[in-house]
Amino acid sequence: MKCFERLVKDHITSILPDTLDPLQFAYRPNRSTDDAIAITLHTALTHLDKRNTYVRMLIIDYSSAFNTIVPSKLIIKLETLGLNPALCNLVLDFLTGRPQVVRVGNNISTSLILNTGTPHGCVLNPLLYSLFTYDCVARHTSNSIIKFADDTTVVGLITNNDETAHREEVRALGVWCRENNLSLNVNKTKEMIVDFRKQEREHPPIHIDGTVVEKVDSFKFLGVHITDKLNWSTHTDSVVKKAQQRLFNLRRLKKFVLSPKTLTHFYRCTIESILSGCITAWYGNCSAHNRKALQRVVRTAQRITGGKLPALQDTYTTRCHKKAKKIIKDNNHPSHCLFTPLSSRRRGQYRCIKAGTERLKNSFYLKAIRLLNSHH
């Protein structure tokens, strides 16, 4: 069944329009959590580079998002996207009339027929959910709705304390959710405000369905800890702690006299993958103290494996360069427009983005442009 689902998924993906909600980063070629985080940070940092500005980030939590999809509404959206009626009927038949029972030991409950939601563990689940929410987009140019499957973040760019557009966006999102049978879990929905202005101001809370949304100093966004100061100590501390726990396993393996090559493979799979997760989005703005803590883990692993391991700075530089080249080749990537080629006489060179703060200068896109220009 899963093999058949993969065939259907690939077929649906191949006929979808390239312009379909560029800020949905899940299950699309040349898109990843790195891209979602980098876009979010660049949007915020570029705005914060201006005078009298701040950013409100609303981290949405849905109650059982995948279980509340209404198949009949999904099919209407699939037809709007240009899918063949026969294919739409196949998807509708797949999602409706599903029998479900509960087994406890030798006892089996009576069968219940389900006609909402998508079956758990199915290959098609995430794609169908992404298509179901394709029309959940920002209505105001000062807002962005960043999505990775059901992880949704509303980024509101506020200037001169005017929050009208952002608050209207939140209200419109609530209306969209009700129309599409999605339930916002207000108790788990959080808000983070990034405000670097010297004079502290009180920010009035956001309300959803009459309930105040809790303000937080940090939150975990697609596996990366982001704080209201946009520093990375919280994230690097978490990453270092997790990586050090894996070093114990590496030491145990060495006692079994495994070859340096095998130990290096284990390091790259289980420790480096943790240290370098979404590294292009956050490493550039790490403090020297953060970087030393991260590199200390690498040095410890190097002593255990007995082989040379790449420094995290080199990993970061390499990945930034590779990602930038992929974005340039993809005209439909939401970041493609940030890489503006210079005149034909200076082929291979890209226009630098103006930045007034070190935070913006050290962000991924500016670092990537500098790397491209230096390599040329």
Foldseek 3Di string as FASTA:
>chain_A
DQVVLVVLVVVLLVLFDLQQQLLAQAPHPLGDLLQNLQVLLLLQQVLQLDPQKKKKKKWWDWDPLQQQFQLVLLLVLSVVRPDDPVSSVVVQVQQFQDWDWDDDPPDIDDIDTDRGGHDPPHPCRQVSQCSSCSPLFQPDPQWGWHHHRPGTMIMGMDHPLDCPSVLVSLVVNLVVCVVRRIGIPQAPIEMEMADPDPDDDDDDFHDDPNHTRHYDQWDQRPNAIAGSPRERPVRLVVLLVQLVVVVVVLLVVVVVVDALVVSVVSCVVRRVCSLCPSVLARVLRYDPVSLVSSQVSVVSSCVSSVDDDDRVVVVNLVVLQVSLVVLCVDPSNPCNVVFADDDPVLPQAGDADDGDDSSSCSGSSNSNNVSSSVVD
